[in-house]
Amino acid sequence: MKSVNRRDFLKLTGSTVIGVTLGGVALRANAQEQLQADDPTAKALNYTPSSTTDGANCANCMYIQGNEGEQHRPCAIFPGKLVNAKGWCSAWVKRPG
C-alpha cells in the first residue's frame, strides 16, 4: 500500500473541498424542472410531492439544496430536478443540527 505524505494529503483534501463546493453550486444552477412522481428514479425511491411521514420531508433532509423557504428546490438524489419541499422519498435522511 502506498503511503501518502502530508503535502499530497493536503492537496487532495483541498481539491476535494473545492470540488464539493463547486459541485453543489453546479447542482443548484442545473436543476430546472420539477420532479414528477412518474419519473423512474422517483418511482424507485417512492417519491411523493406531499409527505405522509410525520416530521420527515424534503425541507429537513440532508440532500436538499437551495434556499430555505423555497417551495421547489434541487436535491442531490435527483440531479437536474427540483423536489417539492413538502415531499418525501425513501432516501430521506434527517439533516444534522
PDB file of N, CA and C in Angstrom:
ATOM      1  N   MET A   1       0.845  -1.174   0.000  1.00  0.00           N
ATOM      2  CA  MET A   1       0.000   0.000   0.000  1.00  0.00           C
ATOM      3  C   MET A   1       0.885   1.230   0.000  1.00  0.00           C
ATOM      4  N   LYS A   2       0.598   2.161  -0.858  1.00  0.00           N
ATOM      5  CA  LYS A   2       1.397   3.371  -0.983  1.00  0.00           C
ATOM      6  C   LYS A   2       1.033   4.339   0.138  1.00  0.00           C
ATOM      7  N   SER A   3       2.037   4.858   0.815  1.00  0.00           N
ATOM      8  CA  SER A   3       1.761   5.845   1.861  1.00  0.00           C
ATOM      9  C   SER A   3       1.632   7.231   1.222  1.00  0.00           C
ATOM     10  N   VAL A   4       0.841   8.074   1.843  1.00  0.00           N
ATOM     11  CA  VAL A   4       0.602   9.427   1.345  1.00  0.00           C
ATOM     12  C   VAL A   4       1.269  10.399   2.308  1.00  0.00           C
ATOM     13  N   ASN A   5       2.120  11.264   1.754  1.00  0.00           N
ATOM     14  CA  ASN A   5       2.757  12.237   2.637  1.00  0.00           C
ATOM     15  C   ASN A   5       1.799  13.384   2.928  1.00  0.00           C
ATOM     16  N   ARG A   6       2.145  14.202   3.886  1.00  0.00           N
ATOM     17  CA  ARG A   6       1.272  15.273   4.343  1.00  0.00           C
ATOM     18  C   ARG A   6       0.940  16.267   3.235  1.00  0.00           C
ATOM     19  N   ARG A   7       1.902  16.621   2.430  1.00  0.00           N
ATOM     20  CA  ARG A   7       1.679  17.583   1.353  1.00  0.00           C
ATOM     21  C   ARG A   7       0.658  17.058   0.342  1.00  0.00           C
ATOM     22  N   ASP A   8       0.809  15.800  -0.075  1.00  0.00           N
ATOM     23  CA  ASP A   8      -0.140  15.214  -1.016  1.00  0.00           C
ATOM     24  C   ASP A   8      -1.531  15.096  -0.395  1.00  0.00           C
ATOM     25  N   PHE A   9      -1.580  14.762   0.883  1.00  0.00           N
ATOM     26  CA  PHE A   9      -2.853  14.665   1.591  1.00  0.00           C
ATOM     27  C   PHE A   9      -3.568  16.021   1.603  1.00  0.00           C
ATOM     28  N   LEU A  10      -2.836  17.093   1.895  1.00  0.00           N
ATOM     29  CA  LEU A  10      -3.440  18.427   1.929  1.00  0.00           C
ATOM     30  C   LEU A  10      -3.918  18.869   0.544  1.00  0.00           C
ATOM     31  N   LYS A  11      -3.149  18.544  -0.500  1.00  0.00           N
ATOM     32  CA  LYS A  11      -3.567  18.864  -1.866  1.00  0.00           C
ATOM     33  C   LYS A  11      -4.871  18.136  -2.207  1.00  0.00           C
ATOM     34  N   LEU A  12      -4.932  16.866  -1.876  1.00  0.00           N
ATOM     35  CA  LEU A  12      -6.108  16.060  -2.158  1.00  0.00           C
ATOM     36  C   LEU A  12      -7.319  16.569  -1.383  1.00  0.00           C
ATOM     37  N   THR A  13      -7.117  16.895  -0.123  1.00  0.00           N
ATOM     38  CA  THR A  13      -8.208  17.398   0.711  1.00  0.00           C
ATOM     39  C   THR A  13      -8.717  18.739   0.186  1.00  0.00           C
ATOM     40  N   GLY A  14      -7.801  19.631  -0.157  1.00  0.00           N
ATOM     41  CA  GLY A  14      -8.197  20.933  -0.698  1.00  0.00           C
ATOM     42  C   GLY A  14      -8.960  20.797  -2.006  1.00  0.00           C
ATOM     43  N   SER A  15      -8.496  19.914  -2.867  1.00  0.00           N
ATOM     44  CA  SER A  15      -9.187  19.683  -4.142  1.00  0.00           C
ATOM     45  C   SER A  15     -10.582  19.116  -3.917  1.00  0.00           C
ATOM     46  N   THR A  16     -10.697  18.234  -2.946  1.00  0.00           N
ATOM     47  CA  THR A  16     -11.999  17.639  -2.640  1.00  0.00           C
ATOM     48  C   THR A  16     -12.971  18.690  -2.134  1.00  0.00           C
ATOM     49  N   VAL A  17     -12.526  19.541  -1.224  1.00  0.00           N
ATOM     50  CA  VAL A  17     -13.395  20.597  -0.686  1.00  0.00           C
ATOM     51  C   VAL A  17     -13.851  21.527  -1.804  1.00  0.00           C
ATOM     52  N   ILE A  18     -12.947  21.912  -2.672  1.00  0.00           N
ATOM     53  CA  ILE A  18     -13.301  22.792  -3.792  1.00  0.00           C
ATOM     54  C   ILE A  18     -14.286  22.085  -4.722  1.00  0.00           C
ATOM     55  N   GLY A  19     -14.034  20.821  -5.005  1.00  0.00           N
ATOM     56  CA  GLY A  19     -14.926  20.060  -5.883  1.00  0.00           C
ATOM     57  C   GLY A  19     -16.323  19.928  -5.316  1.00  0.00           C
ATOM     58  N   VAL A  20     -16.425  19.645  -4.032  1.00  0.00           N
ATOM     59  CA  VAL A  20     -17.740  19.514  -3.402  1.00  0.00           C
ATOM     60  C   VAL A  20     -18.469  20.848  -3.418  1.00  0.00           C
ATOM     61  N   THR A  21     -17.761  21.920  -3.126  1.00  0.00           N
ATOM     62  CA  THR A  21     -18.372  23.252  -3.127  1.00  0.00           C
ATOM     63  C   THR A  21     -18.868  23.627  -4.515  1.00  0.00           C
ATOM     64  N   LEU A  22     -18.018  23.474  -5.511  1.00  0.00           N
ATOM     65  CA  LEU A  22     -18.418  23.819  -6.879  1.00  0.00           C
ATOM     66  C   LEU A  22     -19.485  22.872  -7.402  1.00  0.00           C
ATOM     67  N   GLY A  23     -19.434  21.623  -6.990  1.00  0.00           N
ATOM     68  CA  GLY A  23     -20.449  20.653  -7.391  1.00  0.00           C
ATOM     69  C   GLY A  23     -21.818  21.051  -6.869  1.00  0.00           C
ATOM     70  N   GLY A  24     -21.881  21.528  -5.630  1.00  0.00           N
ATOM     71  CA  GLY A  24     -23.153  21.983  -5.060  1.00  0.00           C
ATOM     72  C   GLY A  24     -23.697  23.184  -5.802  1.00  0.00           C
ATOM     73  N   VAL A  25     -22.812  24.103  -6.176  1.00  0.00           N
ATOM     74  CA  VAL A  25     -23.225  25.282  -6.934  1.00  0.00           C
ATOM     75  C   VAL A  25     -23.736  24.850  -8.303  1.00  0.00           C
ATOM     76  N   ALA A  26     -23.037  23.926  -8.947  1.00  0.00           N
ATOM     77  CA  ALA A  26     -23.458  23.451 -10.260  1.00  0.00           C
ATOM     78  C   ALA A  26     -24.796  22.728 -10.172  1.00  0.00           C
ATOM     79  N   LEU A  27     -25.006  21.964  -9.111  1.00  0.00           N
ATOM     80  CA  LEU A  27     -26.266  21.252  -8.936  1.00  0.00           C
ATOM     81  C   LEU A  27     -27.423  22.237  -8.839  1.00  0.00           C
ATOM     82  N   ARG A  28     -27.252  23.296  -8.059  1.00  0.00           N
ATOM     83  CA  ARG A  28     -28.310  24.298  -7.930  1.00  0.00           C
ATOM     84  C   ARG A  28     -28.551  25.017  -9.249  1.00  0.00           C
ATOM     85  N   ALA A  29     -27.489  25.270 -10.009  1.00  0.00           N
ATOM     86  CA  ALA A  29     -27.630  26.001 -11.266  1.00  0.00           C
ATOM     87  C   ALA A  29     -28.293  25.146 -12.345  1.00  0.00           C
ATOM     88  N   ASN A  30     -28.057  23.839 -12.339  1.00  0.00           N
ATOM     89  CA  ASN A  30     -28.574  22.971 -13.387  1.00  0.00           C
ATOM     90  C   ASN A  30     -29.992  22.461 -13.136  1.00  0.00           C
ATOM     91  N   ALA A  31     -30.429  22.468 -11.897  1.00  0.00           N
ATOM     92  CA  ALA A  31     -31.770  21.972 -11.607  1.00  0.00           C
ATOM     93  C   ALA A  31     -32.791  22.946 -12.192  1.00  0.00           C
ATOM     94  N   GLN A  32     -33.660  22.421 -13.070  1.00  0.00           N
ATOM     95  CA  GLN A  32     -34.585  23.316 -13.737  1.00  0.00           C
ATOM     96  C   GLN A  32     -36.027  22.839 -13.699  1.00  0.00           C
ATOM     97  N   GLU A  33     -36.285  21.567 -13.862  1.00  0.00           N
ATOM     98  CA  GLU A  33     -37.664  21.130 -13.938  1.00  0.00           C
ATOM     99  C   GLU A  33     -38.071  20.380 -12.674  1.00  0.00           C
ATOM    100  N   GLN A  34     -39.335  20.458 -12.351  1.00  0.00           N
ATOM    101  CA  GLN A  34     -39.845  19.801 -11.157  1.00  0.00           C
ATOM    102  C   GLN A  34     -39.887  18.288 -11.363  1.00  0.00           C
ATOM    103  N   LEU A  35     -39.551  17.569 -10.317  1.00  0.00           N
ATOM    104  CA  LEU A  35     -39.582  16.111 -10.349  1.00  0.00           C
ATOM    105  C   LEU A  35     -41.033  15.646 -10.378  1.00  0.00           C
ATOM    106  N   GLN A  36     -41.328  14.764 -11.292  1.00  0.00           N
ATOM    107  CA  GLN A  36     -42.668  14.203 -11.406  1.00  0.00           C
ATOM    108  C   GLN A  36     -42.703  12.826 -10.744  1.00  0.00           C
ATOM    109  N   ALA A  37     -43.828  12.484 -10.168  1.00  0.00           N
ATOM    110  CA  ALA A  37     -43.966  11.202  -9.465  1.00  0.00           C
ATOM    111  C   ALA A  37     -43.802  10.015 -10.411  1.00  0.00           C
ATOM    112  N   ASP A  38     -44.007  10.206 -11.725  1.00  0.00           N
ATOM    113  CA  ASP A  38     -43.864   9.094 -12.670  1.00  0.00           C
ATOM    114  C   ASP A  38     -42.442   8.952 -13.224  1.00  0.00           C
ATOM    115  N   ASP A  39     -41.514   9.790 -12.754  1.00  0.00           N
ATOM    116  CA  ASP A  39     -40.102   9.676 -13.131  1.00  0.00           C
ATOM    117  C   ASP A  39     -39.586   8.324 -12.623  1.00  0.00           C
ATOM    118  N   PRO A  40     -38.800   7.586 -13.419  1.00  0.00           N
ATOM    119  CA  PRO A  40     -38.327   6.259 -12.996  1.00  0.00           C
ATOM    120  C   PRO A  40     -37.556   6.272 -11.666  1.00  0.00           C
ATOM    121  N   THR A  41     -36.697   7.269 -11.471  1.00  0.00           N
ATOM    122  CA  THR A  41     -35.955   7.350 -10.209  1.00  0.00           C
ATOM    123  C   THR A  41     -36.889   7.683  -9.055  1.00  0.00           C
ATOM    124  N   ALA A  42     -37.837   8.561  -9.302  1.00  0.00           N
ATOM    125  CA  ALA A  42     -38.817   8.917  -8.274  1.00  0.00           C
ATOM    126  C   ALA A  42     -39.633   7.694  -7.875  1.00  0.00           C
ATOM    127  N   LYS A  43     -40.032   6.896  -8.849  1.00  0.00           N
ATOM    128  CA  LYS A  43     -40.785   5.675  -8.561  1.00  0.00           C
ATOM    129  C   LYS A  43     -39.948   4.702  -7.736  1.00  0.00           C
ATOM    130  N   ALA A  44     -38.673   4.548  -8.128  1.00  0.00           N
ATOM    131  CA  ALA A  44     -37.792   3.608  -7.431  1.00  0.00           C
ATOM    132  C   ALA A  44     -37.589   4.001  -5.970  1.00  0.00           C
ATOM    133  N   LEU A  45     -37.614   5.316  -5.684  1.00  0.00           N
ATOM    134  CA  LEU A  45     -37.399   5.800  -4.314  1.00  0.00           C
ATOM    135  C   LEU A  45     -38.697   6.223  -3.629  1.00  0.00           C
ATOM    136  N   ASN A  46     -39.835   5.835  -4.216  1.00  0.00           N
ATOM    137  CA  ASN A  46     -41.153   6.124  -3.629  1.00  0.00           C
ATOM    138  C   ASN A  46     -41.354   7.611  -3.344  1.00  0.00           C
ATOM    139  N   TYR A  47     -40.879   8.467  -4.251  1.00  0.00           N
ATOM    140  CA  TYR A  47     -41.044   9.916  -4.069  1.00  0.00           C
ATOM    141  C   TYR A  47     -42.508  10.296  -4.112  1.00  0.00           C
ATOM    142  N   THR A  48     -42.888  11.161  -3.207  1.00  0.00           N
ATOM    143  CA  THR A  48     -44.217  11.752  -3.220  1.00  0.00           C
ATOM    144  C   THR A  48     -44.069  13.244  -2.966  1.00  0.00           C
ATOM    145  N   PRO A  49     -44.796  14.094  -3.705  1.00  0.00           N
ATOM    146  CA  PRO A  49     -44.659  15.541  -3.522  1.00  0.00           C
ATOM    147  C   PRO A  49     -45.287  16.046  -2.227  1.00  0.00           C
ATOM    148  N   SER A  50     -45.979  15.174  -1.512  1.00  0.00           N
ATOM    149  CA  SER A  50     -46.582  15.549  -0.238  1.00  0.00           C
ATOM    150  C   SER A  50     -46.326  14.441   0.777  1.00  0.00           C
ATOM    151  N   SER A  51     -45.440  14.697   1.724  1.00  0.00           N
ATOM    152  CA  SER A  51     -45.027  13.693   2.698  1.00  0.00           C
ATOM    153  C   SER A  51     -46.185  13.227   3.574  1.00  0.00           C
ATOM    154  N   THR A  52     -46.213  11.927   3.828  1.00  0.00           N
ATOM    155  CA  THR A  52     -47.190  11.355   4.746  1.00  0.00           C
ATOM    156  C   THR A  52     -46.503  10.860   6.017  1.00  0.00           C
ATOM    157  N   THR A  53     -45.209  11.143   6.139  1.00  0.00           N
ATOM    158  CA  THR A  53     -44.422  10.723   7.287  1.00  0.00           C
ATOM    159  C   THR A  53     -44.225  11.914   8.218  1.00  0.00           C
ATOM    160  N   ASP A  54     -44.680  11.797   9.462  1.00  0.00           N
ATOM    161  CA  ASP A  54     -44.556  12.896  10.427  1.00  0.00           C
ATOM    162  C   ASP A  54     -43.106  13.315  10.635  1.00  0.00           C
ATOM    163  N   GLY A  55     -42.834  14.609  10.515  1.00  0.00           N
ATOM    164  CA  GLY A  55     -41.515  15.159  10.776  1.00  0.00           C
ATOM    165  C   GLY A  55     -40.472  14.853   9.725  1.00  0.00           C
ATOM    166  N   ALA A  56     -40.844  14.210   8.629  1.00  0.00           N
ATOM    167  CA  ALA A  56     -39.897  13.877   7.567  1.00  0.00           C
ATOM    168  C   ALA A  56     -40.405  14.444   6.246  1.00  0.00           C
ATOM    169  N   ASN A  57     -39.665  15.396   5.708  1.00  0.00           N
ATOM    170  CA  ASN A  57     -39.989  15.934   4.390  1.00  0.00           C
ATOM    171  C   ASN A  57     -38.709  16.433   3.742  1.00  0.00           C
ATOM    172  N   CYS A  58     -38.785  16.764   2.486  1.00  0.00           N
ATOM    173  CA  CYS A  58     -37.594  17.187   1.746  1.00  0.00           C
ATOM    174  C   CYS A  58     -36.933  18.420   2.371  1.00  0.00           C
ATOM    175  N   ALA A  59     -37.721  19.311   2.952  1.00  0.00           N
ATOM    176  CA  ALA A  59     -37.179  20.545   3.527  1.00  0.00           C
ATOM    177  C   ALA A  59     -36.220  20.273   4.677  1.00  0.00           C
ATOM    178  N   ASN A  60     -36.365  19.152   5.397  1.00  0.00           N
ATOM    179  CA  ASN A  60     -35.460  18.864   6.505  1.00  0.00           C
ATOM    180  C   ASN A  60     -34.565  17.651   6.224  1.00  0.00           C
ATOM    181  N   CYS A  61     -34.380  17.344   4.949  1.00  0.00           N
ATOM    182  CA  CYS A  61     -33.498  16.240   4.524  1.00  0.00           C
ATOM    183  C   CYS A  61     -32.095  16.780   4.252  1.00  0.00           C
ATOM    184  N   MET A  62     -31.098  15.966   4.502  1.00  0.00           N
ATOM    185  CA  MET A  62     -29.717  16.422   4.301  1.00  0.00           C
ATOM    186  C   MET A  62     -29.343  16.558   2.824  1.00  0.00           C
ATOM    187  N   TYR A  63     -30.116  16.003   1.911  1.00  0.00           N
ATOM    188  CA  TYR A  63     -29.782  16.059   0.488  1.00  0.00           C
ATOM    189  C   TYR A  63     -30.352  17.278  -0.231  1.00  0.00           C
ATOM    190  N   ILE A  64     -31.220  18.040   0.423  1.00  0.00           N
ATOM    191  CA  ILE A  64     -31.848  19.194  -0.229  1.00  0.00           C
ATOM    192  C   ILE A  64     -30.824  20.320  -0.394  1.00  0.00           C
ATOM    193  N   GLN A  65     -30.948  21.052  -1.469  1.00  0.00           N
ATOM    194  CA  GLN A  65     -30.075  22.184  -1.771  1.00  0.00           C
ATOM    195  C   GLN A  65     -30.944  23.433  -1.868  1.00  0.00           C
ATOM    196  N   GLY A  66     -30.351  24.544  -2.200  1.00  0.00           N
ATOM    197  CA  GLY A  66     -31.120  25.761  -2.433  1.00  0.00           C
ATOM    198  C   GLY A  66     -31.381  26.550  -1.161  1.00  0.00           C
ATOM    199  N   ASN A  67     -32.278  27.518  -1.266  1.00  0.00           N
ATOM    200  CA  ASN A  67     -32.563  28.446  -0.172  1.00  0.00           C
ATOM    201  C   ASN A  67     -33.748  27.980   0.662  1.00  0.00           C
ATOM    202  N   GLU A  68     -33.617  28.143   1.987  1.00  0.00           N
ATOM    203  CA  GLU A  68     -34.722  27.833   2.895  1.00  0.00           C
ATOM    204  C   GLU A  68     -35.964  28.597   2.477  1.00  0.00           C
ATOM    205  N   GLY A  69     -37.098  27.982   2.597  1.00  0.00           N
ATOM    206  CA  GLY A  69     -38.353  28.651   2.312  1.00  0.00           C
ATOM    207  C   GLY A  69     -38.842  28.536   0.877  1.00  0.00           C
ATOM    208  N   GLU A  70     -37.990  28.097  -0.040  1.00  0.00           N
ATOM    209  CA  GLU A  70     -38.426  27.927  -1.427  1.00  0.00           C
ATOM    210  C   GLU A  70     -39.291  26.677  -1.531  1.00  0.00           C
ATOM    211  N   GLN A  71     -40.356  26.748  -2.314  1.00  0.00           N
ATOM    212  CA  GLN A  71     -41.288  25.630  -2.464  1.00  0.00           C
ATOM    213  C   GLN A  71     -40.653  24.449  -3.194  1.00  0.00           C
ATOM    214  N   HIS A  72     -39.899  24.710  -4.263  1.00  0.00           N
ATOM    215  CA  HIS A  72     -39.226  23.662  -5.037  1.00  0.00           C
ATOM    216  C   HIS A  72     -37.731  23.938  -5.031  1.00  0.00           C
ATOM    217  N   ARG A  73     -36.960  22.914  -4.656  1.00  0.00           N
ATOM    218  CA  ARG A  73     -35.516  23.078  -4.510  1.00  0.00           C
ATOM    219  C   ARG A  73     -34.775  21.894  -5.118  1.00  0.00           C
ATOM    220  N   PRO A  74     -33.509  22.097  -5.519  1.00  0.00           N
ATOM    221  CA  PRO A  74     -32.701  20.999  -6.046  1.00  0.00           C
ATOM    222  C   PRO A  74     -32.400  19.967  -4.961  1.00  0.00           C
ATOM    223  N   CYS A  75     -32.191  18.740  -5.395  1.00  0.00           N
ATOM    224  CA  CYS A  75     -31.879  17.641  -4.476  1.00  0.00           C
ATOM    225  C   CYS A  75     -30.726  16.831  -5.057  1.00  0.00           C
ATOM    226  N   ALA A  76     -29.790  16.436  -4.200  1.00  0.00           N
ATOM    227  CA  ALA A  76     -28.633  15.654  -4.640  1.00  0.00           C
ATOM    228  C   ALA A  76     -29.041  14.261  -5.129  1.00  0.00           C
ATOM    229  N   ILE A  77     -30.153  13.755  -4.666  1.00  0.00           N
ATOM    230  CA  ILE A  77     -30.618  12.424  -5.073  1.00  0.00           C
ATOM    231  C   ILE A  77     -31.190  12.450  -6.489  1.00  0.00           C
ATOM    232  N   PHE A  78     -31.795  13.565  -6.875  1.00  0.00           N
ATOM    233  CA  PHE A  78     -32.423  13.710  -8.184  1.00  0.00           C
ATOM    234  C   PHE A  78     -31.753  14.846  -8.957  1.00  0.00           C
ATOM    235  N   PRO A  79     -30.549  14.616  -9.513  1.00  0.00           N
ATOM    236  CA  PRO A  79     -29.816  15.687 -10.205  1.00  0.00           C
ATOM    237  C   PRO A  79     -30.619  16.263 -11.377  1.00  0.00           C
ATOM    238  N   GLY A  80     -30.588  17.594 -11.471  1.00  0.00           N
ATOM    239  CA  GLY A  80     -31.259  18.278 -12.558  1.00  0.00           C
ATOM    240  C   GLY A  80     -32.751  18.464 -12.342  1.00  0.00           C
ATOM    241  N   LYS A  81     -33.258  18.046 -11.187  1.00  0.00           N
ATOM    242  CA  LYS A  81     -34.687  18.151 -10.896  1.00  0.00           C
ATOM    243  C   LYS A  81     -34.908  18.961  -9.622  1.00  0.00           C
ATOM    244  N   LEU A  82     -36.081  19.550  -9.521  1.00  0.00           N
ATOM    245  CA  LEU A  82     -36.487  20.276  -8.326  1.00  0.00           C
ATOM    246  C   LEU A  82     -37.528  19.442  -7.594  1.00  0.00           C
ATOM    247  N   VAL A  83     -37.341  19.254  -6.295  1.00  0.00           N
ATOM    248  CA  VAL A  83     -38.306  18.498  -5.496  1.00  0.00           C
ATOM    249  C   VAL A  83     -39.163  19.462  -4.683  1.00  0.00           C
ATOM    250  N   ASN A  84     -40.350  19.041  -4.342  1.00  0.00           N
ATOM    251  CA  ASN A  84     -41.234  19.832  -3.505  1.00  0.00           C
ATOM    252  C   ASN A  84     -40.701  19.772  -2.074  1.00  0.00           C
ATOM    253  N   ALA A  85     -40.569  20.912  -1.425  1.00  0.00           N
ATOM    254  CA  ALA A  85     -40.041  20.962  -0.058  1.00  0.00           C
ATOM    255  C   ALA A  85     -40.916  20.167   0.910  1.00  0.00           C
ATOM    256  N   LYS A  86     -42.189  19.984   0.558  1.00  0.00           N
ATOM    257  CA  LYS A  86     -43.104  19.216   1.405  1.00  0.00           C
ATOM    258  C   LYS A  86     -43.118  17.737   1.033  1.00  0.00           C
ATOM    259  N   GLY A  87     -42.300  17.354   0.056  1.00  0.00           N
ATOM    260  CA  GLY A  87     -42.272  15.979  -0.428  1.00  0.00           C
ATOM    261  C   GLY A  87     -41.455  15.043   0.455  1.00  0.00           C
ATOM    262  N   TRP A  88     -41.320  13.801   0.010  1.00  0.00           N
ATOM    263  CA  TRP A  88     -40.566  12.785   0.748  1.00  0.00           C
ATOM    264  C   TRP A  88     -40.188  11.670  -0.210  1.00  0.00           C
ATOM    265  N   CYS A  89     -39.040  11.012   0.060  1.00  0.00           N
ATOM    266  CA  CYS A  89     -38.670   9.790  -0.661  1.00  0.00           C
ATOM    267  C   CYS A  89     -37.949   8.864   0.311  1.00  0.00           C
ATOM    268  N   SER A  90     -37.749   7.629  -0.106  1.00  0.00           N
ATOM    269  CA  SER A  90     -37.152   6.637   0.795  1.00  0.00           C
ATOM    270  C   SER A  90     -35.669   6.895   1.069  1.00  0.00           C
ATOM    271  N   ALA A  91     -35.049   7.833   0.356  1.00  0.00           N
ATOM    272  CA  ALA A  91     -33.648   8.190   0.616  1.00  0.00           C
ATOM    273  C   ALA A  91     -33.532   9.276   1.685  1.00  0.00           C
ATOM    274  N   TRP A  92     -34.654   9.707   2.260  1.00  0.00           N
ATOM    275  CA  TRP A  92     -34.673  10.783   3.242  1.00  0.00           C
ATOM    276  C   TRP A  92     -33.775  10.468   4.443  1.00  0.00           C
ATOM    277  N   VAL A  93     -32.927  11.431   4.799  1.00  0.00           N
ATOM    278  CA  VAL A  93     -32.072  11.353   5.996  1.00  0.00           C
ATOM    279  C   VAL A  93     -32.155  12.710   6.680  1.00  0.00           C
ATOM    280  N   LYS A  94     -32.449  12.703   7.974  1.00  0.00           N
ATOM    281  CA  LYS A  94     -32.604  13.950   8.713  1.00  0.00           C
ATOM    282  C   LYS A  94     -31.316  14.775   8.648  1.00  0.00           C
ATOM    283  N   ARG A  95     -31.476  16.057   8.359  1.00  0.00           N
ATOM    284  CA  ARG A  95     -30.350  16.977   8.309  1.00  0.00           C
ATOM    285  C   ARG A  95     -29.767  17.126   9.714  1.00  0.00           C
ATOM    286  N   PRO A  96     -28.447  16.987   9.848  1.00  0.00           N
ATOM    287  CA  PRO A  96     -27.840  17.138  11.180  1.00  0.00           C
ATOM    288  C   PRO A  96     -27.987  18.575  11.687  1.00  0.00           C
ATOM    289  N   GLY A  97     -28.103  18.686  12.980  1.00  0.00           N
ATOM    290  CA  GLY A  97     -28.116  20.006  13.596  1.00  0.00           C
ATOM    291  C   GLY A  97     -29.423  20.409  13.977  1.00  0.00           C
TER     292      GLY A  97
END
